[in-house]
């Protein structure tokens, strides 16, 4: 399924227990053709830990306003983000 990445929020702070929290909130839109009650696109977000982002091997900042495929495991955890190469339209 294709998703349009519309924004990211990179987080890095220490919580009240002294634990460092690092990660990225990924914001995206997508079409859901299976639900006839939805008009337009769905807006959603997912939290990604720094370790998850590091495993992707891609700078998420370069994906803002780009279309991607989001690959999940059986539990719905994002395991990869793959940029979609759009073919150039011929005139």
N, C-alpha and C. Protein backbone atom coordinates (compact mmCIF):
# COMPACT_ATOMS: atom_id res chain seq x y z
N UNK A 1 0.85 -1.18 0.00
CA UNK A 1 0.00 0.00 0.00
C UNK A 1 0.89 1.24 0.00
N UNK A 2 0.48 2.25 -0.72
CA UNK A 2 1.27 3.48 -0.81
C UNK A 2 0.78 4.52 0.20
N UNK A 3 1.75 5.23 0.77
CA UNK A 3 1.49 6.27 1.76
C UNK A 3 2.23 7.53 1.36
N UNK A 4 1.63 8.68 1.61
CA UNK A 4 2.29 9.96 1.38
C UNK A 4 2.80 10.47 2.73
N UNK A 5 4.12 10.58 2.87
CA UNK A 5 4.70 11.10 4.11
C UNK A 5 4.49 12.61 4.10
N UNK A 6 3.77 13.11 5.10
CA UNK A 6 3.46 14.54 5.16
C UNK A 6 4.27 15.28 6.23
N UNK A 7 4.93 14.54 7.10
CA UNK A 7 5.74 15.20 8.11
C UNK A 7 6.40 14.21 9.05
N UNK A 8 7.39 14.71 9.77
CA UNK A 8 8.05 13.93 10.82
C UNK A 8 8.31 14.84 12.01
N UNK A 9 8.40 14.24 13.18
CA UNK A 9 8.76 14.96 14.40
C UNK A 9 9.81 14.14 15.12
N UNK A 10 11.06 14.59 15.05
CA UNK A 10 12.15 13.88 15.70
C UNK A 10 12.19 14.25 17.18
N UNK A 11 12.22 13.24 18.03
CA UNK A 11 12.13 13.42 19.48
C UNK A 11 13.43 12.94 20.14
N UNK A 12 13.91 13.70 21.11
CA UNK A 12 15.09 13.30 21.89
C UNK A 12 15.01 14.02 23.23
N UNK A 13 14.63 13.28 24.28
CA UNK A 13 14.53 13.88 25.61
C UNK A 13 14.77 12.81 26.67
N UNK A 14 14.91 13.26 27.90
CA UNK A 14 15.08 12.36 29.04
C UNK A 14 13.81 12.44 29.89
N UNK A 15 13.21 11.28 30.17
CA UNK A 15 11.97 11.28 30.95
C UNK A 15 12.26 11.50 32.44
N UNK A 16 11.19 11.56 33.25
CA UNK A 16 11.34 11.86 34.67
C UNK A 16 12.10 10.78 35.45
N UNK A 17 12.23 9.58 34.86
CA UNK A 17 12.99 8.50 35.50
C UNK A 17 14.45 8.47 35.04
N UNK A 18 14.81 9.42 34.17
CA UNK A 18 16.18 9.49 33.69
C UNK A 18 16.46 8.68 32.44
N UNK A 19 15.43 8.09 31.86
CA UNK A 19 15.60 7.28 30.64
C UNK A 19 15.55 8.19 29.41
N UNK A 20 16.51 8.02 28.53
CA UNK A 20 16.55 8.81 27.30
C UNK A 20 15.57 8.21 26.28
N UNK A 21 14.73 9.06 25.72
CA UNK A 21 13.75 8.67 24.71
C UNK A 21 14.16 9.29 23.39
N UNK A 22 14.38 8.45 22.39
CA UNK A 22 14.75 8.92 21.06
C UNK A 22 13.88 8.21 20.04
N UNK A 23 13.40 8.96 19.07
CA UNK A 23 12.61 8.36 18.01
C UNK A 23 12.00 9.42 17.13
N UNK A 24 11.12 8.98 16.27
CA UNK A 24 10.50 9.87 15.30
C UNK A 24 9.01 9.54 15.18
N UNK A 25 8.19 10.57 15.23
CA UNK A 25 6.76 10.42 14.93
C UNK A 25 6.63 10.67 13.43
N UNK A 26 6.12 9.67 12.72
CA UNK A 26 5.96 9.73 11.27
C UNK A 26 4.50 10.01 10.95
N UNK A 27 4.24 11.07 10.20
CA UNK A 27 2.87 11.45 9.82
C UNK A 27 2.67 11.15 8.34
N UNK A 28 1.53 10.53 8.01
CA UNK A 28 1.28 10.14 6.62
C UNK A 28 -0.21 10.13 6.30
N UNK A 29 -0.50 10.18 5.02
CA UNK A 29 -1.86 10.07 4.48
C UNK A 29 -1.92 8.86 3.56
N UNK A 30 -3.12 8.27 3.48
CA UNK A 30 -3.30 7.16 2.54
C UNK A 30 -4.78 7.02 2.20
N UNK A 31 -5.03 6.36 1.08
CA UNK A 31 -6.40 6.10 0.64
C UNK A 31 -6.83 4.74 1.14
N UNK A 32 -8.09 4.63 1.58
CA UNK A 32 -8.64 3.36 2.03
C UNK A 32 -9.85 3.06 1.17
N UNK A 33 -9.63 2.28 0.12
CA UNK A 33 -10.70 1.94 -0.81
C UNK A 33 -11.65 0.88 -0.25
N UNK A 34 -11.32 0.30 0.90
CA UNK A 34 -12.16 -0.75 1.47
C UNK A 34 -13.30 -0.21 2.32
N UNK A 35 -13.23 1.07 2.70
CA UNK A 35 -14.25 1.66 3.55
C UNK A 35 -15.05 2.69 2.76
N UNK A 36 -16.30 2.36 2.39
CA UNK A 36 -17.09 3.29 1.57
C UNK A 36 -17.51 4.56 2.31
N UNK A 37 -17.35 4.61 3.63
CA UNK A 37 -17.74 5.78 4.41
C UNK A 37 -16.68 6.88 4.42
N UNK A 38 -15.48 6.56 3.96
CA UNK A 38 -14.39 7.54 3.98
C UNK A 38 -14.39 8.31 2.67
N UNK A 39 -14.41 9.62 2.80
CA UNK A 39 -14.31 10.51 1.64
C UNK A 39 -12.95 11.18 1.75
N UNK A 40 -12.12 11.01 0.75
CA UNK A 40 -10.77 11.57 0.79
C UNK A 40 -9.78 10.59 1.37
N UNK A 41 -8.77 11.11 2.04
CA UNK A 41 -7.68 10.29 2.55
C UNK A 41 -7.72 10.21 4.08
N UNK A 42 -7.05 9.21 4.59
CA UNK A 42 -6.91 9.04 6.04
C UNK A 42 -5.58 9.66 6.46
N UNK A 43 -5.58 10.38 7.56
CA UNK A 43 -4.36 10.93 8.15
C UNK A 43 -4.03 10.09 9.38
N UNK A 44 -2.78 9.66 9.49
CA UNK A 44 -2.39 8.78 10.59
C UNK A 44 -0.94 9.09 10.97
N UNK A 45 -0.49 8.49 12.05
CA UNK A 45 0.91 8.63 12.46
C UNK A 45 1.34 7.36 13.18
N UNK A 46 2.64 7.14 13.18
CA UNK A 46 3.23 6.00 13.88
C UNK A 46 4.50 6.47 14.58
N UNK A 47 4.76 5.88 15.76
CA UNK A 47 5.98 6.16 16.50
C UNK A 47 7.04 5.14 16.08
N UNK A 48 8.23 5.63 15.78
CA UNK A 48 9.36 4.78 15.42
C UNK A 48 10.50 5.07 16.38
N UNK A 49 11.07 4.03 16.96
CA UNK A 49 12.23 4.23 17.83
C UNK A 49 13.45 4.56 16.98
N UNK A 50 14.47 5.13 17.60
CA UNK A 50 15.70 5.43 16.89
C UNK A 50 16.30 4.16 16.30
N UNK A 51 16.24 3.05 17.04
CA UNK A 51 16.77 1.78 16.53
C UNK A 51 16.04 1.34 15.26
N UNK A 52 14.71 1.49 15.23
CA UNK A 52 13.95 1.15 14.03
C UNK A 52 14.40 2.00 12.85
N UNK A 53 14.48 3.31 13.07
CA UNK A 53 14.86 4.23 12.00
C UNK A 53 16.26 3.91 11.49
N UNK A 54 17.18 3.63 12.41
CA UNK A 54 18.55 3.30 12.01
C UNK A 54 18.59 2.06 11.12
N UNK A 55 17.75 1.07 11.39
CA UNK A 55 17.72 -0.16 10.60
C UNK A 55 17.21 0.08 9.18
N UNK A 56 16.38 1.10 8.99
CA UNK A 56 15.86 1.39 7.65
C UNK A 56 16.97 1.86 6.72
N UNK A 57 18.01 2.49 7.27
CA UNK A 57 19.12 2.96 6.46
C UNK A 57 18.76 4.12 5.53
N UNK A 58 17.78 4.92 5.92
CA UNK A 58 17.37 6.06 5.10
C UNK A 58 17.06 7.23 6.02
N UNK A 59 17.38 8.43 5.58
CA UNK A 59 17.07 9.64 6.33
C UNK A 59 15.60 9.98 6.10
N UNK A 60 14.78 9.85 7.12
CA UNK A 60 13.34 10.07 6.97
C UNK A 60 13.02 11.49 6.52
N UNK A 61 13.90 12.45 6.81
CA UNK A 61 13.67 13.82 6.37
C UNK A 61 13.60 13.93 4.85
N UNK A 62 14.28 13.04 4.15
CA UNK A 62 14.27 13.08 2.68
C UNK A 62 12.96 12.53 2.11
N UNK A 63 12.12 11.92 2.95
CA UNK A 63 10.88 11.31 2.47
C UNK A 63 9.65 12.21 2.62
N UNK A 64 9.81 13.35 3.27
CA UNK A 64 8.67 14.25 3.45
C UNK A 64 8.19 14.72 2.07
N UNK A 65 6.88 14.62 1.87
CA UNK A 65 6.20 14.92 0.60
C UNK A 65 6.50 13.89 -0.49
N UNK A 66 6.93 12.69 -0.07
CA UNK A 66 7.21 11.61 -1.02
C UNK A 66 6.27 10.45 -0.73
N UNK A 67 6.04 9.64 -1.77
CA UNK A 67 5.23 8.44 -1.64
C UNK A 67 6.13 7.26 -1.32
N UNK A 68 5.69 6.44 -0.36
CA UNK A 68 6.48 5.28 0.07
C UNK A 68 5.56 4.07 0.24
N UNK A 69 6.18 2.91 0.29
CA UNK A 69 5.52 1.70 0.73
C UNK A 69 6.00 1.44 2.16
N UNK A 70 5.07 1.20 3.05
CA UNK A 70 5.41 0.88 4.44
C UNK A 70 5.19 -0.60 4.64
N UNK A 71 6.26 -1.29 5.03
CA UNK A 71 6.21 -2.74 5.24
C UNK A 71 6.08 -2.99 6.73
N UNK A 72 5.10 -3.81 7.11
CA UNK A 72 4.89 -4.15 8.53
C UNK A 72 5.02 -5.65 8.75
N UNK A 73 5.27 -6.01 10.00
CA UNK A 73 5.27 -7.43 10.34
C UNK A 73 3.83 -7.84 10.69
N UNK A 74 3.64 -9.05 11.12
CA UNK A 74 2.30 -9.57 11.40
C UNK A 74 1.61 -8.83 12.55
N UNK A 75 2.38 -8.16 13.40
CA UNK A 75 1.81 -7.41 14.52
C UNK A 75 1.57 -5.94 14.18
N UNK A 76 1.87 -5.54 12.93
CA UNK A 76 1.65 -4.16 12.52
C UNK A 76 2.82 -3.23 12.78
N UNK A 77 3.94 -3.77 13.27
CA UNK A 77 5.14 -2.95 13.52
C UNK A 77 5.83 -2.66 12.19
N UNK A 78 6.19 -1.40 11.98
CA UNK A 78 6.87 -1.03 10.74
C UNK A 78 8.28 -1.62 10.75
N UNK A 79 8.60 -2.40 9.70
CA UNK A 79 9.91 -3.02 9.59
C UNK A 79 10.73 -2.46 8.44
N UNK A 80 10.09 -1.71 7.53
CA UNK A 80 10.83 -1.07 6.45
C UNK A 80 9.97 0.00 5.80
N UNK A 81 10.65 0.99 5.24
CA UNK A 81 9.99 2.04 4.47
C UNK A 81 10.74 2.14 3.15
N UNK A 82 10.00 1.95 2.06
CA UNK A 82 10.62 1.90 0.74
C UNK A 82 10.06 3.03 -0.13
N UNK A 83 10.92 3.96 -0.56
CA UNK A 83 10.45 5.04 -1.45
C UNK A 83 9.90 4.46 -2.75
N UNK A 84 8.83 5.06 -3.25
CA UNK A 84 8.22 4.63 -4.51
C UNK A 84 8.78 5.50 -5.63
N UNK A 85 9.30 4.85 -6.62
CA UNK A 85 9.82 5.57 -7.78
C UNK A 85 8.67 5.75 -8.76
N UNK A 86 8.31 6.99 -8.98
CA UNK A 86 7.21 7.30 -9.92
C UNK A 86 7.80 7.45 -11.32
N UNK A 87 7.12 6.84 -12.28
CA UNK A 87 7.56 6.98 -13.67
C UNK A 87 7.21 8.36 -14.18
N UNK A 88 8.10 8.94 -14.94
CA UNK A 88 7.84 10.25 -15.53
C UNK A 88 6.77 10.10 -16.60
N UNK A 89 5.81 11.04 -16.61
CA UNK A 89 4.75 11.02 -17.61
C UNK A 89 5.29 11.54 -18.93
N UNK A 90 4.90 10.83 -19.99
CA UNK A 90 5.34 11.26 -21.31
C UNK A 90 4.37 12.28 -21.86
N UNK A 91 4.91 13.27 -22.56
CA UNK A 91 4.07 14.33 -23.14
C UNK A 91 3.41 13.87 -24.41
